[in-house]
Amino acid sequence: MAIVIVDDSIFSLEMIKAFLGSAGYLDVITVQSAREIYQLLDGQSDRGKIDIDLILMDILMPGINGIEACRNIKKREELVDVPVIMVTAATDKDNLHLAFSAGAMDYIKKPLDKVELLTRINSALRLKHETARRKARESELLEVTRQLKVANERLRNLSFLDGLTRIANRRHFDQEFLKEFRRAKREKDPLSLIILDIDYFKAFNDTYGHIKGDDCLITVANTLKKALKRPGDFAARYGGEEFAVVLPNTDDTGAAIIAEELRTSIEKVRIQHCNSLCSEYVTASLGVVTRFPSQAATQEDMILAADRALYRSKHEGRNRVSVERLV
């Protein structure tokens, strides 16, 4: 890290450089105009791009004076925290006010006093380094906070996912169904619910083993996700081999159509099931219910009605859709 001295007087440059060298500051760069320091900051010097700790700059220079140069330097984001100390014989209040307004942090009067110069430089560098440490700590804290937020979001998502099928779990279903039920009631929209059960799943597990059974559940879950086209439609593992689908703003006709699409989608996957009594492939039975705005039915009423419809599908031969109407 370097200290840059900007002064059109070679005598002043050499004297300040000597003072700094005697105090152990050996990386000192001297330039004689504002244009030269601009070139230095742009990486156009022999040293290329450099990191700067401190700038000592004369106010009274030909061409661009020190105040204007300081103002231009402070416009650069990477130099906002680099202290600029004005070194000047012009100590009238107007010049000093302009210098501080331009971003200078301090000034030193000419003729220079070595002790005063080094004291002010030490103070400026301590402040600069402390600011850098503080910003580094803030940056680290922000990164830790960001990572914690990501981790919490990941944990939250995991807590809402079924560990096997990776679709929504029962807990998430309960929350989502409650939210959609309240919204439908508030906005006077129909709300439909489908509960489906994989046919003869115990026989499937007994025949092919639990690993294949798990694969079957995963495949059915993925089939449901693909078959549901609208963003608001919501599928969840309800428990065991049961799944539930919430269909916002969907009447009984639309829900029955979607349920039939789900049934045929599962059957078309053609998962072999030699011990099913209704097909040679894995199938599902589905129960459908719809609550209309004019009805006073509760969430529990809807779930019970969907269960009754599902039971009727099983009782009538499975691999079918049944619709239950609320009273």
Protein backbone atom coordinates (compact mmCIF):
# COMPACT_ATOMS: atom_id res chain seq x y z
CA MET A 1 0.00 0.00 0.00
CA ALA A 2 1.41 3.38 -1.05
CA ILE A 3 1.35 6.99 0.05
CA VAL A 4 1.04 9.44 -2.84
CA ILE A 5 2.33 13.04 -2.64
CA VAL A 6 0.94 15.54 -5.14
CA ASP A 7 2.79 18.88 -5.33
CA ASP A 8 4.14 20.99 -8.18
CA SER A 9 7.17 21.89 -6.02
CA ILE A 10 10.02 19.38 -6.30
CA PHE A 11 11.47 20.75 -3.05
CA SER A 12 8.21 20.03 -1.18
CA LEU A 13 7.97 16.57 -2.73
CA GLU A 14 11.50 15.60 -1.70
CA MET A 15 11.15 17.04 1.78
CA ILE A 16 7.89 15.22 2.52
CA LYS A 17 9.29 12.02 1.04
CA ALA A 18 12.36 12.32 3.28
CA PHE A 19 10.20 12.90 6.37
CA LEU A 20 8.14 9.82 5.53
CA GLY A 21 11.22 7.71 4.82
CA SER A 22 12.71 8.57 8.19
CA ALA A 23 9.50 7.28 9.84
CA GLY A 24 9.61 3.99 7.94
CA TYR A 25 7.19 4.82 5.13
CA LEU A 26 9.15 3.55 2.17
CA ASP A 27 6.44 3.03 -0.47
CA VAL A 28 6.02 6.69 -1.41
CA ILE A 29 5.05 7.93 -4.88
CA THR A 30 5.50 11.54 -5.94
CA VAL A 31 3.65 13.30 -8.77
CA GLN A 32 3.61 16.98 -9.74
CA SER A 33 0.06 17.56 -10.99
CA ALA A 34 -3.52 16.44 -10.78
CA ARG A 35 -3.27 14.93 -14.27
CA GLU A 36 -0.39 12.74 -13.13
CA ILE A 37 -2.32 11.37 -10.17
CA TYR A 38 -5.30 10.67 -12.44
CA GLN A 39 -2.97 8.64 -14.67
CA LEU A 40 -1.60 6.87 -11.61
CA LEU A 41 -5.10 6.00 -10.40
CA ASP A 42 -6.06 4.77 -13.88
CA GLY A 43 -3.14 2.32 -13.84
CA GLN A 44 -1.27 4.19 -16.56
CA SER A 45 1.99 4.56 -14.61
CA ASP A 46 4.98 2.23 -14.74
CA ARG A 47 3.67 0.51 -11.61
CA GLY A 48 0.31 -0.27 -13.16
CA LYS A 49 -2.73 -0.36 -10.86
CA ILE A 50 -1.77 0.27 -7.24
CA ASP A 51 -3.48 0.30 -3.86
CA ILE A 52 -3.26 3.64 -2.11
CA ASP A 53 -3.35 4.22 1.63
CA LEU A 54 -3.11 8.00 1.74
CA ILE A 55 -2.87 11.06 -0.53
CA LEU A 56 -1.02 14.24 0.47
CA MET A 57 -1.97 17.04 -1.93
CA ASP A 58 -1.11 20.69 -2.34
CA ILE A 59 -4.07 23.00 -2.84
CA LEU A 60 -2.32 25.56 -5.07
CA MET A 61 -1.21 23.83 -8.26
CA PRO A 62 -1.24 25.03 -11.88
CA GLY A 63 -4.06 23.72 -14.07
CA ILE A 64 -6.32 21.62 -11.87
CA ASN A 65 -5.94 22.71 -8.26
CA GLY A 66 -5.88 20.37 -5.29
CA ILE A 67 -9.50 21.01 -4.31
CA GLU A 68 -10.85 20.06 -7.73
CA ALA A 69 -8.49 17.07 -7.89
CA CYS A 70 -9.71 15.90 -4.47
CA ARG A 71 -13.33 16.22 -5.57
CA ASN A 72 -12.67 14.13 -8.69
CA ILE A 73 -10.77 11.48 -6.72
CA LYS A 74 -13.59 11.11 -4.19
CA LYS A 75 -16.04 10.41 -7.02
CA ARG A 76 -14.28 7.06 -7.49
CA GLU A 77 -15.97 4.41 -5.39
CA GLU A 78 -12.75 2.53 -4.67
CA LEU A 79 -11.14 5.71 -3.27
CA VAL A 80 -13.96 6.95 -1.04
CA ASP A 81 -12.22 5.71 2.11
CA VAL A 82 -8.69 6.80 1.10
CA PRO A 83 -7.83 9.83 3.26
CA VAL A 84 -6.74 13.01 1.49
CA ILE A 85 -4.70 15.51 3.50
CA MET A 86 -4.25 18.97 1.97
CA VAL A 87 -0.73 20.39 2.30
CA THR A 88 -0.90 24.12 1.75
CA ALA A 89 0.31 27.59 2.57
CA ALA A 90 -3.18 28.91 1.77
CA THR A 91 -4.98 28.59 5.10
CA ASP A 92 -7.81 31.07 4.55
CA LYS A 93 -11.20 29.79 5.66
CA ASP A 94 -12.75 29.74 2.19
CA ASN A 95 -10.07 27.43 0.79
CA LEU A 96 -10.24 25.13 3.80
CA HIS A 97 -14.03 24.99 3.63
CA LEU A 98 -13.86 24.08 -0.06
CA ALA A 99 -11.20 21.44 0.63
CA PHE A 100 -13.27 19.73 3.32
CA SER A 101 -16.40 19.96 1.13
CA ALA A 102 -14.44 18.23 -1.64
CA GLY A 103 -13.68 15.28 0.66
CA ALA A 104 -10.37 16.17 2.34
CA MET A 105 -10.12 14.85 5.89
CA ASP A 106 -7.37 17.14 7.20
CA TYR A 107 -4.85 19.81 6.23
CA ILE A 108 -1.24 20.63 7.12
CA LYS A 109 0.20 24.13 6.90
CA LYS A 110 3.38 25.03 5.06
CA PRO A 111 6.17 25.43 6.02
CA LEU A 112 5.95 21.84 7.20
CA ASP A 113 6.71 20.66 10.69
CA LYS A 114 7.97 17.07 10.64
CA VAL A 115 6.36 16.06 13.95
CA GLU A 116 2.99 17.54 12.98
CA LEU A 117 3.17 15.95 9.52
CA LEU A 118 3.92 12.48 10.83
CA THR A 119 1.37 12.76 13.64
CA ARG A 120 -1.42 13.68 11.23
CA ILE A 121 -0.37 11.00 8.75
CA ASN A 122 -0.33 8.34 11.50
CA SER A 123 -3.81 9.40 12.63
CA ALA A 124 -5.16 9.32 9.08
CA LEU A 125 -3.71 5.87 8.39
CA ARG A 126 -5.05 4.45 11.66
CA LEU A 127 -8.50 5.76 10.80
CA LYS A 128 -8.27 4.37 7.26
CA HIS A 129 -7.16 0.94 8.43
CA GLU A 130 -9.83 0.85 11.14
CA THR A 131 -12.47 1.80 8.57
CA ALA A 132 -11.23 -1.01 6.30
CA ARG A 133 -11.35 -3.51 9.19
CA ARG A 134 -14.84 -2.37 10.14
CA LYS A 135 -16.08 -2.69 6.57
CA ALA A 136 -14.48 -6.13 6.29
CA ARG A 137 -16.27 -7.20 9.48
CA GLU A 138 -19.55 -5.76 8.18
CA SER A 139 -19.04 -7.59 4.89
CA GLU A 140 -18.34 -10.84 6.74
CA LEU A 141 -21.42 -10.31 8.89
CA LEU A 142 -23.58 -9.64 5.83
CA GLU A 143 -22.25 -12.80 4.19
CA VAL A 144 -22.90 -14.85 7.33
CA THR A 145 -26.39 -13.36 7.52
CA ARG A 146 -27.00 -14.19 3.86
CA GLN A 147 -25.78 -17.76 4.32
CA LEU A 148 -27.93 -18.13 7.44
CA LYS A 149 -30.96 -16.85 5.54
CA VAL A 150 -30.30 -19.32 2.73
CA ALA A 151 -29.83 -22.16 5.24
CA ASN A 152 -33.03 -21.23 7.09
CA GLU A 153 -34.95 -21.08 3.82
CA ARG A 154 -33.55 -24.47 2.85
CA LEU A 155 -34.55 -25.91 6.24
CA ARG A 156 -37.98 -24.36 5.91
CA ASN A 157 -38.41 -25.88 2.48
CA LEU A 158 -37.20 -29.23 3.76
CA SER A 159 -39.67 -29.09 6.63
CA PHE A 160 -42.47 -28.69 4.04
CA LEU A 161 -41.29 -31.52 1.80
CA ASP A 162 -42.02 -35.20 2.09
CA GLY A 163 -38.68 -36.89 2.66
CA LEU A 164 -39.31 -39.65 0.12
CA THR A 165 -41.28 -38.16 -2.75
CA ARG A 166 -39.94 -34.57 -2.48
CA ILE A 167 -43.39 -33.08 -2.95
CA ALA A 168 -45.29 -31.23 -0.22
CA ASN A 169 -45.85 -33.18 3.00
CA ARG A 170 -48.98 -33.41 5.17
CA ARG A 171 -47.96 -30.39 7.24
CA HIS A 172 -47.58 -28.26 4.12
CA PHE A 173 -50.86 -29.57 2.75
CA ASP A 174 -52.68 -28.56 5.95
CA GLN A 175 -51.30 -25.00 5.72
CA GLU A 176 -51.89 -24.65 1.98
CA PHE A 177 -55.41 -26.06 2.14
CA LEU A 178 -56.28 -23.69 4.99
CA LYS A 179 -54.87 -20.73 3.05
CA GLU A 180 -56.78 -21.62 -0.12
CA PHE A 181 -59.95 -22.38 1.82
CA ARG A 182 -59.87 -18.93 3.46
CA ARG A 183 -59.06 -17.24 0.15
CA ALA A 184 -61.89 -19.03 -1.67
CA LYS A 185 -64.32 -18.09 1.10
CA ARG A 186 -63.16 -14.46 1.07
CA GLU A 187 -63.21 -14.09 -2.72
CA LYS A 188 -66.31 -16.26 -3.19
CA ASP A 189 -64.57 -18.74 -5.51
CA PRO A 190 -65.14 -22.49 -5.78
CA LEU A 191 -62.47 -24.74 -4.27
CA SER A 192 -61.94 -28.40 -5.11
CA LEU A 193 -60.07 -31.18 -3.35
CA ILE A 194 -58.92 -34.55 -4.68
CA ILE A 195 -57.74 -37.39 -2.47
CA LEU A 196 -56.26 -40.39 -4.28
CA ASP A 197 -54.98 -43.74 -3.15
CA ILE A 198 -52.70 -46.18 -5.02
CA ASP A 199 -54.66 -49.35 -5.64
CA TYR A 200 -53.52 -52.53 -3.88
CA PHE A 201 -50.31 -50.89 -2.71
CA LYS A 202 -49.78 -53.37 0.14
CA ALA A 203 -49.86 -56.18 -2.40
CA PHE A 204 -47.34 -54.22 -4.51
CA ASN A 205 -44.96 -53.94 -1.55
CA ASP A 206 -45.43 -57.60 -0.68
CA THR A 207 -44.68 -58.61 -4.26
CA TYR A 208 -41.85 -56.31 -5.25
CA GLY A 209 -40.40 -55.19 -1.90
CA HIS A 210 -40.32 -51.86 -0.11
CA ILE A 211 -37.56 -50.34 -2.25
CA LYS A 212 -39.70 -50.81 -5.35
CA GLY A 213 -42.64 -49.56 -3.30
CA ASP A 214 -40.74 -46.36 -2.54
CA ASP A 215 -39.86 -46.00 -6.22
CA CYS A 216 -43.53 -46.38 -7.06
CA LEU A 217 -44.53 -43.60 -4.64
CA ILE A 218 -41.84 -41.30 -6.08
CA THR A 219 -43.02 -41.98 -9.63
CA VAL A 220 -46.66 -41.30 -8.75
CA ALA A 221 -45.69 -38.04 -7.02
CA ASN A 222 -43.69 -36.89 -10.05
CA THR A 223 -46.59 -37.87 -12.32
CA LEU A 224 -48.96 -35.71 -10.30
CA LYS A 225 -46.60 -32.73 -10.48
CA LYS A 226 -46.26 -33.05 -14.27
CA ALA A 227 -49.98 -33.54 -14.83
CA LEU A 228 -51.01 -30.42 -12.88
CA LYS A 229 -50.67 -27.56 -15.36
CA ARG A 230 -51.81 -24.48 -13.45
CA PRO A 231 -49.37 -22.71 -11.06
CA GLY A 232 -51.93 -22.60 -8.24
CA ASP A 233 -52.71 -26.33 -8.25
CA PHE A 234 -51.06 -28.05 -5.31
CA ALA A 235 -50.16 -31.72 -4.80
CA ALA A 236 -49.03 -33.30 -1.53
CA ARG A 237 -48.37 -36.69 -0.02
CA TYR A 238 -51.27 -37.09 2.35
CA GLY A 239 -49.95 -40.18 4.10
CA GLY A 240 -48.76 -43.66 3.19
CA GLU A 241 -49.91 -44.33 -0.37
CA GLU A 242 -52.43 -41.47 -0.30
CA PHE A 243 -51.99 -38.14 -2.07
CA ALA A 244 -54.06 -34.95 -2.00
CA VAL A 245 -54.50 -32.26 -4.64
CA VAL A 246 -55.89 -28.77 -3.93
CA LEU A 247 -57.48 -27.03 -6.94
CA PRO A 248 -58.16 -23.31 -6.33
CA ASN A 249 -60.96 -21.61 -8.28
CA THR A 250 -62.08 -24.94 -9.78
CA ASP A 251 -65.71 -26.13 -9.96
CA ASP A 252 -66.88 -29.74 -9.77
CA THR A 253 -66.81 -30.28 -13.54
CA GLY A 254 -63.26 -28.98 -13.85
CA ALA A 255 -62.11 -30.96 -10.81
CA ALA A 256 -63.58 -34.18 -12.21
CA ILE A 257 -61.77 -33.61 -15.52
CA ILE A 258 -58.45 -32.98 -13.75
CA ALA A 259 -58.96 -36.04 -11.52
CA GLU A 260 -59.53 -38.21 -14.60
CA GLU A 261 -56.36 -36.78 -16.18
CA LEU A 262 -54.43 -37.69 -13.03
CA ARG A 263 -55.87 -41.21 -13.03
CA THR A 264 -54.96 -41.85 -16.66
CA SER A 265 -51.51 -40.28 -16.24
CA ILE A 266 -50.69 -42.71 -13.42
CA GLU A 267 -51.99 -45.68 -15.41
CA LYS A 268 -50.03 -44.64 -18.52
CA VAL A 269 -46.74 -44.82 -16.61
CA ARG A 270 -47.28 -48.60 -16.78
CA ILE A 271 -45.62 -49.65 -13.52
CA GLN A 272 -45.98 -53.43 -13.50
CA HIS A 273 -48.31 -54.73 -10.76
CA CYS A 274 -49.00 -58.43 -11.26
CA ASN A 275 -51.02 -58.79 -8.03
CA SER A 276 -53.43 -55.91 -8.64
CA LEU A 277 -57.03 -57.10 -8.92
CA CYS A 278 -58.03 -54.27 -11.27
CA SER A 279 -55.13 -53.91 -13.73
CA GLU A 280 -51.75 -55.36 -14.66
CA TYR A 281 -50.26 -51.94 -13.90
CA VAL A 282 -50.27 -49.59 -10.91
CA THR A 283 -53.49 -47.55 -10.82
CA ALA A 284 -55.16 -45.13 -8.43
CA SER A 285 -58.63 -44.50 -7.07
CA LEU A 286 -59.69 -40.88 -6.63
CA GLY A 287 -62.30 -38.98 -4.66
CA VAL A 288 -63.34 -35.43 -5.60
CA VAL A 289 -65.27 -32.76 -3.74
CA THR A 290 -66.01 -29.09 -4.49
CA ARG A 291 -67.11 -26.34 -2.14
CA PHE A 292 -69.10 -23.54 -3.77
CA PRO A 293 -69.37 -20.04 -2.26
CA SER A 294 -73.02 -20.60 -1.31
CA GLN A 295 -72.14 -23.62 0.84
CA ALA A 296 -71.28 -23.45 4.54
CA ALA A 297 -69.06 -26.54 4.53
CA THR A 298 -65.81 -26.45 6.49
CA GLN A 299 -62.37 -27.80 5.60
CA GLU A 300 -63.11 -30.91 7.62
CA ASP A 301 -66.36 -31.37 5.71
CA MET A 302 -64.45 -31.26 2.43
CA ILE A 303 -61.85 -33.80 3.57
CA LEU A 304 -64.54 -36.18 4.86
CA ALA A 305 -66.48 -35.84 1.61
CA ALA A 306 -63.37 -36.51 -0.51
CA ASP A 307 -62.69 -39.58 1.66
CA ARG A 308 -66.23 -40.83 1.06
CA ALA A 309 -65.80 -40.36 -2.67
CA LEU A 310 -62.47 -42.21 -2.55
CA TYR A 311 -64.09 -45.07 -0.62
CA ARG A 312 -66.82 -45.29 -3.26
CA SER A 313 -64.18 -45.50 -6.03
CA LYS A 314 -62.53 -48.41 -4.20
CA HIS A 315 -65.87 -50.12 -3.46
CA GLU A 316 -66.93 -49.89 -7.11
CA GLY A 317 -63.82 -51.57 -8.50
CA ARG A 318 -60.94 -49.07 -8.11
CA ASN A 319 -59.00 -47.28 -10.84
CA ARG A 320 -61.78 -44.73 -11.16
CA VAL A 321 -62.90 -41.24 -10.13
CA SER A 322 -65.90 -40.57 -7.89
CA VAL A 323 -67.37 -37.14 -7.06
CA GLU A 324 -69.03 -36.35 -3.76
CA ARG A 325 -71.34 -33.38 -3.42
CA LEU A 326 -71.50 -31.28 -0.29
CA VAL A 327 -74.88 -30.46 1.19
